[in-house]
N, C-alpha and C. Protein backbone atom coordinates (compact mmCIF):
# COMPACT_ATOMS: atom_id res chain seq x y z
N UNK A 1 12.18 -39.67 46.11
CA UNK A 1 13.56 -39.48 46.51
C UNK A 1 13.68 -39.65 48.02
N UNK A 2 14.79 -40.14 48.42
CA UNK A 2 15.04 -40.30 49.84
C UNK A 2 15.48 -38.97 50.43
N UNK A 3 15.66 -38.96 51.74
CA UNK A 3 16.07 -37.74 52.44
C UNK A 3 17.58 -37.65 52.56
N UNK A 4 18.32 -38.37 51.72
CA UNK A 4 19.78 -38.27 51.75
C UNK A 4 20.19 -36.82 51.50
N UNK A 5 21.31 -36.44 52.11
CA UNK A 5 21.79 -35.07 51.95
C UNK A 5 22.99 -35.04 51.02
N UNK A 6 23.07 -33.98 50.23
CA UNK A 6 24.13 -33.82 49.24
C UNK A 6 24.80 -32.47 49.49
N UNK A 7 26.10 -32.44 49.30
CA UNK A 7 26.87 -31.24 49.60
C UNK A 7 27.28 -30.55 48.30
N UNK A 8 27.01 -29.26 48.24
CA UNK A 8 27.44 -28.41 47.13
C UNK A 8 28.38 -27.36 47.72
N UNK A 9 29.53 -27.18 47.11
CA UNK A 9 30.46 -26.15 47.56
C UNK A 9 30.61 -25.12 46.45
N UNK A 10 30.03 -23.93 46.65
CA UNK A 10 30.17 -22.88 45.63
C UNK A 10 31.63 -22.50 45.44
N UNK A 11 32.00 -22.26 44.21
CA UNK A 11 33.39 -21.92 43.93
C UNK A 11 33.66 -20.42 43.97
N UNK A 12 32.61 -19.63 43.95
CA UNK A 12 32.80 -18.18 44.09
C UNK A 12 31.59 -17.59 44.82
N UNK A 13 31.80 -16.55 45.63
CA UNK A 13 30.70 -15.94 46.39
C UNK A 13 29.56 -15.44 45.50
N UNK A 14 29.88 -15.11 44.26
CA UNK A 14 28.83 -14.64 43.35
C UNK A 14 27.78 -15.72 43.12
N UNK A 15 28.19 -16.98 43.15
CA UNK A 15 27.22 -18.07 42.98
C UNK A 15 26.19 -18.05 44.10
N UNK A 16 26.65 -17.93 45.33
CA UNK A 16 25.74 -17.93 46.47
C UNK A 16 24.81 -16.73 46.42
N UNK A 17 25.36 -15.56 46.13
CA UNK A 17 24.52 -14.35 46.03
C UNK A 17 23.48 -14.51 44.95
N UNK A 18 23.88 -15.06 43.82
CA UNK A 18 22.96 -15.26 42.71
C UNK A 18 21.84 -16.23 43.10
N UNK A 19 22.18 -17.33 43.72
CA UNK A 19 21.17 -18.32 44.11
C UNK A 19 20.23 -17.74 45.17
N UNK A 20 20.79 -17.01 46.15
CA UNK A 20 19.92 -16.39 47.16
C UNK A 20 18.97 -15.38 46.52
N UNK A 21 19.48 -14.61 45.58
CA UNK A 21 18.64 -13.63 44.89
C UNK A 21 17.49 -14.33 44.16
N UNK A 22 17.78 -15.45 43.52
CA UNK A 22 16.74 -16.21 42.82
C UNK A 22 15.71 -16.74 43.82
N UNK A 23 16.18 -17.27 44.94
CA UNK A 23 15.24 -17.80 45.94
C UNK A 23 14.30 -16.71 46.45
N UNK A 24 14.87 -15.54 46.73
CA UNK A 24 14.02 -14.44 47.20
C UNK A 24 13.05 -14.00 46.11
N UNK A 25 13.53 -13.93 44.88
CA UNK A 25 12.66 -13.51 43.78
C UNK A 25 11.50 -14.48 43.59
N UNK A 26 11.79 -15.77 43.63
CA UNK A 26 10.72 -16.74 43.38
C UNK A 26 9.70 -16.74 44.51
N UNK A 27 10.13 -16.50 45.74
CA UNK A 27 9.16 -16.46 46.83
C UNK A 27 8.34 -15.17 46.80
N UNK A 28 8.92 -14.10 46.29
CA UNK A 28 8.20 -12.82 46.21
C UNK A 28 7.30 -12.73 44.99
N UNK A 29 7.68 -13.38 43.89
CA UNK A 29 6.95 -13.23 42.63
C UNK A 29 6.67 -14.58 41.98
N UNK A 30 6.21 -15.55 42.75
CA UNK A 30 6.02 -16.91 42.25
C UNK A 30 5.08 -16.97 41.05
N UNK A 31 4.14 -16.05 40.98
CA UNK A 31 3.18 -16.08 39.87
C UNK A 31 3.81 -15.74 38.53
N UNK A 32 5.02 -15.18 38.53
CA UNK A 32 5.69 -14.82 37.27
C UNK A 32 6.69 -15.86 36.81
N UNK A 33 6.87 -16.93 37.56
CA UNK A 33 7.81 -17.99 37.20
C UNK A 33 7.02 -19.14 36.60
N UNK A 34 7.38 -19.54 35.40
CA UNK A 34 6.58 -20.54 34.70
C UNK A 34 6.69 -21.94 35.28
N UNK A 35 7.86 -22.35 35.74
CA UNK A 35 8.04 -23.73 36.17
C UNK A 35 7.91 -23.94 37.67
N UNK A 36 7.43 -22.95 38.40
CA UNK A 36 7.40 -23.06 39.85
C UNK A 36 6.17 -23.84 40.30
N UNK A 37 6.44 -24.94 40.98
CA UNK A 37 5.36 -25.74 41.55
C UNK A 37 5.28 -25.44 43.04
N UNK A 38 4.30 -25.99 43.70
CA UNK A 38 4.18 -25.81 45.14
C UNK A 38 5.41 -26.32 45.87
N UNK A 39 5.97 -27.44 45.39
CA UNK A 39 7.15 -28.00 46.03
C UNK A 39 8.35 -27.07 45.87
N UNK A 40 8.52 -26.49 44.68
CA UNK A 40 9.62 -25.54 44.47
C UNK A 40 9.48 -24.34 45.41
N UNK A 41 8.28 -23.80 45.50
CA UNK A 41 8.05 -22.62 46.32
C UNK A 41 8.31 -22.95 47.79
N UNK A 42 7.81 -24.09 48.24
CA UNK A 42 8.04 -24.50 49.63
C UNK A 42 9.52 -24.69 49.91
N UNK A 43 10.23 -25.37 49.00
CA UNK A 43 11.67 -25.56 49.17
C UNK A 43 12.39 -24.23 49.25
N UNK A 44 12.06 -23.31 48.35
CA UNK A 44 12.71 -22.00 48.33
C UNK A 44 12.49 -21.26 49.64
N UNK A 45 11.25 -21.26 50.12
CA UNK A 45 10.94 -20.57 51.36
C UNK A 45 11.68 -21.18 52.54
N UNK A 46 11.74 -22.52 52.59
CA UNK A 46 12.43 -23.19 53.69
C UNK A 46 13.93 -22.94 53.65
N UNK A 47 14.52 -22.93 52.46
CA UNK A 47 15.96 -22.68 52.34
C UNK A 47 16.31 -21.26 52.78
N UNK A 48 15.44 -20.30 52.49
CA UNK A 48 15.67 -18.92 52.91
C UNK A 48 15.60 -18.83 54.43
N UNK A 49 14.53 -19.39 55.01
CA UNK A 49 14.35 -19.31 56.46
C UNK A 49 15.47 -20.01 57.23
N UNK A 50 15.89 -21.15 56.72
CA UNK A 50 16.92 -21.94 57.42
C UNK A 50 18.32 -21.41 57.18
N UNK A 51 18.49 -20.52 56.21
CA UNK A 51 19.83 -20.02 55.89
C UNK A 51 20.71 -21.09 55.26
N UNK A 52 20.10 -21.99 54.49
CA UNK A 52 20.84 -23.09 53.86
C UNK A 52 21.86 -22.62 52.82
N UNK A 53 21.60 -21.48 52.20
CA UNK A 53 22.48 -20.98 51.14
C UNK A 53 23.30 -19.83 51.70
N UNK A 54 24.57 -20.12 52.00
CA UNK A 54 25.46 -19.12 52.59
C UNK A 54 26.53 -18.73 51.58
N UNK A 55 27.18 -17.59 51.80
CA UNK A 55 28.24 -17.13 50.89
C UNK A 55 29.47 -18.01 50.95
N UNK A 56 29.77 -18.52 52.11
CA UNK A 56 30.99 -19.31 52.29
C UNK A 56 30.63 -20.65 52.90
N UNK A 57 31.43 -21.62 52.60
CA UNK A 57 31.17 -22.95 53.14
C UNK A 57 30.35 -23.80 52.19
N UNK A 58 29.82 -24.87 52.74
CA UNK A 58 29.11 -25.83 51.90
C UNK A 58 27.62 -25.74 52.14
N UNK A 59 26.88 -26.12 51.11
CA UNK A 59 25.43 -26.20 51.21
C UNK A 59 25.07 -27.67 51.33
N UNK A 60 24.30 -28.03 52.31
CA UNK A 60 23.84 -29.40 52.48
C UNK A 60 22.37 -29.42 52.11
N UNK A 61 22.05 -30.13 51.03
CA UNK A 61 20.70 -30.07 50.45
C UNK A 61 20.15 -31.47 50.19
N UNK A 62 18.82 -31.56 50.20
CA UNK A 62 18.16 -32.80 49.81
C UNK A 62 18.07 -32.85 48.30
N UNK A 63 17.72 -34.00 47.77
CA UNK A 63 17.57 -34.13 46.32
C UNK A 63 16.48 -33.19 45.80
N UNK A 64 15.41 -33.04 46.55
CA UNK A 64 14.33 -32.14 46.15
C UNK A 64 14.82 -30.69 46.10
N UNK A 65 15.63 -30.29 47.07
CA UNK A 65 16.19 -28.94 47.06
C UNK A 65 17.15 -28.75 45.89
N UNK A 66 17.95 -29.78 45.59
CA UNK A 66 18.84 -29.72 44.43
C UNK A 66 18.04 -29.48 43.16
N UNK A 67 16.95 -30.23 43.00
CA UNK A 67 16.13 -30.08 41.81
C UNK A 67 15.52 -28.68 41.74
N UNK A 68 15.04 -28.20 42.87
CA UNK A 68 14.46 -26.85 42.91
C UNK A 68 15.50 -25.81 42.49
N UNK A 69 16.67 -25.84 43.10
CA UNK A 69 17.69 -24.84 42.77
C UNK A 69 18.15 -24.97 41.33
N UNK A 70 18.37 -26.20 40.87
CA UNK A 70 18.79 -26.40 39.48
C UNK A 70 17.76 -25.84 38.50
N UNK A 71 16.50 -26.09 38.77
CA UNK A 71 15.43 -25.60 37.90
C UNK A 71 15.36 -24.08 37.91
N UNK A 72 15.46 -23.49 39.09
CA UNK A 72 15.36 -22.03 39.19
C UNK A 72 16.57 -21.33 38.56
N UNK A 73 17.76 -21.86 38.78
CA UNK A 73 18.96 -21.26 38.19
C UNK A 73 18.90 -21.38 36.67
N UNK A 74 18.47 -22.54 36.18
CA UNK A 74 18.36 -22.73 34.73
C UNK A 74 17.36 -21.74 34.14
N UNK A 75 16.19 -21.63 34.76
CA UNK A 75 15.18 -20.72 34.21
C UNK A 75 15.66 -19.28 34.25
N UNK A 76 16.32 -18.88 35.32
CA UNK A 76 16.82 -17.50 35.41
C UNK A 76 17.87 -17.24 34.33
N UNK A 77 18.76 -18.21 34.11
CA UNK A 77 19.80 -18.03 33.09
C UNK A 77 19.18 -17.89 31.71
N UNK A 78 18.17 -18.67 31.42
CA UNK A 78 17.51 -18.60 30.11
C UNK A 78 16.77 -17.28 29.95
N UNK A 79 16.18 -16.78 31.04
CA UNK A 79 15.38 -15.55 30.97
C UNK A 79 16.24 -14.30 30.79
N UNK A 80 17.50 -14.38 31.12
CA UNK A 80 18.34 -13.19 31.02
C UNK A 80 18.51 -12.77 29.55
N UNK A 81 18.38 -11.51 29.32
CA UNK A 81 18.56 -11.02 27.96
C UNK A 81 20.05 -10.80 27.67
N UNK A 82 20.38 -10.62 26.41
CA UNK A 82 21.77 -10.36 26.03
C UNK A 82 22.27 -9.07 26.68
N UNK A 83 21.40 -8.10 26.82
CA UNK A 83 21.80 -6.82 27.43
C UNK A 83 22.18 -7.03 28.90
N UNK A 84 21.40 -7.83 29.62
CA UNK A 84 21.73 -8.09 31.02
C UNK A 84 23.05 -8.85 31.13
N UNK A 85 23.26 -9.83 30.26
CA UNK A 85 24.50 -10.60 30.29
C UNK A 85 25.69 -9.70 29.98
N UNK A 86 25.48 -8.71 29.10
CA UNK A 86 26.56 -7.79 28.76
C UNK A 86 26.90 -6.88 29.93
N UNK A 87 25.92 -6.55 30.76
CA UNK A 87 26.17 -5.69 31.92
C UNK A 87 26.93 -6.43 33.02
N UNK A 88 26.76 -7.74 33.11
CA UNK A 88 27.42 -8.51 34.16
C UNK A 88 28.07 -9.76 33.55
N UNK A 89 29.07 -9.57 32.68
CA UNK A 89 29.64 -10.72 31.97
C UNK A 89 30.34 -11.73 32.88
N UNK A 90 30.84 -11.30 34.03
CA UNK A 90 31.53 -12.24 34.93
C UNK A 90 30.54 -13.13 35.68
N UNK A 91 29.29 -12.72 35.75
CA UNK A 91 28.29 -13.49 36.49
C UNK A 91 27.88 -14.75 35.72
N UNK A 92 27.87 -14.70 34.41
CA UNK A 92 27.40 -15.83 33.61
C UNK A 92 28.20 -17.10 33.85
N UNK A 93 29.54 -17.07 33.85
CA UNK A 93 30.27 -18.32 34.14
C UNK A 93 29.95 -18.88 35.52
N UNK A 94 29.74 -18.01 36.51
CA UNK A 94 29.37 -18.48 37.85
C UNK A 94 28.00 -19.14 37.82
N UNK A 95 27.07 -18.55 37.09
CA UNK A 95 25.73 -19.13 36.98
C UNK A 95 25.79 -20.51 36.33
N UNK A 96 26.57 -20.61 35.27
CA UNK A 96 26.69 -21.89 34.56
C UNK A 96 27.37 -22.92 35.45
N UNK A 97 28.38 -22.51 36.19
CA UNK A 97 29.11 -23.44 37.06
C UNK A 97 28.22 -23.97 38.17
N UNK A 98 27.48 -23.10 38.86
CA UNK A 98 26.64 -23.57 39.96
C UNK A 98 25.49 -24.42 39.43
N UNK A 99 24.97 -24.06 38.27
CA UNK A 99 23.91 -24.88 37.66
C UNK A 99 24.44 -26.29 37.38
N UNK A 100 25.65 -26.37 36.83
CA UNK A 100 26.25 -27.68 36.56
C UNK A 100 26.46 -28.48 37.83
N UNK A 101 26.94 -27.81 38.89
CA UNK A 101 27.15 -28.49 40.17
C UNK A 101 25.83 -29.03 40.73
N UNK A 102 24.77 -28.23 40.65
CA UNK A 102 23.47 -28.66 41.17
C UNK A 102 22.94 -29.86 40.40
N UNK A 103 23.02 -29.80 39.06
CA UNK A 103 22.49 -30.91 38.25
C UNK A 103 23.33 -32.17 38.41
N UNK A 104 24.66 -32.03 38.55
CA UNK A 104 25.51 -33.20 38.78
C UNK A 104 25.14 -33.88 40.09
N UNK A 105 24.94 -33.08 41.14
CA UNK A 105 24.57 -33.66 42.44
C UNK A 105 23.19 -34.29 42.37
N UNK A 106 22.26 -33.64 41.66
CA UNK A 106 20.91 -34.22 41.54
C UNK A 106 20.96 -35.54 40.78
N UNK A 107 21.76 -35.60 39.72
CA UNK A 107 21.90 -36.84 38.96
C UNK A 107 22.47 -37.94 39.85
N UNK A 108 23.44 -37.61 40.67
CA UNK A 108 23.99 -38.58 41.62
C UNK A 108 22.92 -39.07 42.59
N UNK A 109 22.08 -38.14 43.04
CA UNK A 109 20.99 -38.51 43.95
C UNK A 109 20.04 -39.49 43.27
N UNK A 110 19.72 -39.24 42.02
CA UNK A 110 18.81 -40.13 41.28
C UNK A 110 19.44 -41.51 41.11
N UNK A 111 20.71 -41.55 40.74
CA UNK A 111 21.38 -42.85 40.57
C UNK A 111 21.47 -43.60 41.89
N UNK A 112 21.70 -42.89 42.97
CA UNK A 112 21.76 -43.53 44.29
C UNK A 112 20.40 -44.14 44.64
N UNK A 113 19.33 -43.40 44.32
CA UNK A 113 17.98 -43.90 44.57
C UNK A 113 17.69 -45.15 43.75
N UNK A 114 18.10 -45.15 42.50
CA UNK A 114 17.90 -46.31 41.62
C UNK A 114 18.70 -47.50 42.16
N UNK A 115 19.93 -47.24 42.58
CA UNK A 115 20.78 -48.33 43.11
C UNK A 115 20.17 -48.95 44.36
N UNK A 116 19.59 -48.12 45.22
CA UNK A 116 18.93 -48.64 46.42
C UNK A 116 17.78 -49.56 46.05
N UNK A 117 17.01 -49.13 45.04
CA UNK A 117 15.86 -49.94 44.60
C UNK A 117 16.32 -51.25 44.01
N UNK A 118 17.40 -51.22 43.26
CA UNK A 118 17.91 -52.45 42.64
C UNK A 118 18.46 -53.41 43.66
N UNK A 119 19.14 -52.88 44.69
CA UNK A 119 19.73 -53.77 45.69
C UNK A 119 18.67 -54.33 46.63
N UNK A 120 17.53 -53.65 46.74
CA UNK A 120 16.45 -54.15 47.61
C UNK A 120 15.66 -55.25 46.94
N UNK A 121 15.74 -55.32 45.61
CA UNK A 121 14.94 -56.30 44.87
C UNK A 121 15.53 -57.69 44.96
């Protein structure tokens, strides 16, 4: 993937809080996350240090960061039990929305990369 930057605009502050919570959790407990690779862990740590994920405004991320966040949000959503979802029912739509935004942007990044390769040939 190239170093092109992609912009994600969270639609509610709960999305940003949720994503930041996931980033902190994965950096603190990486051994308990099944899909975490070295690249995911490095991306998460760098995003925390740089303050890339803020409550308000836009997030400017690389394709690799998009993939990391999409993967982590997806895994967290799947891991949540029905009891947890029942305790915070308003959080689930935000989780699904930000996950969709991340994957849409990542898909765009992939198509842009493919288009660059095709036009160079």
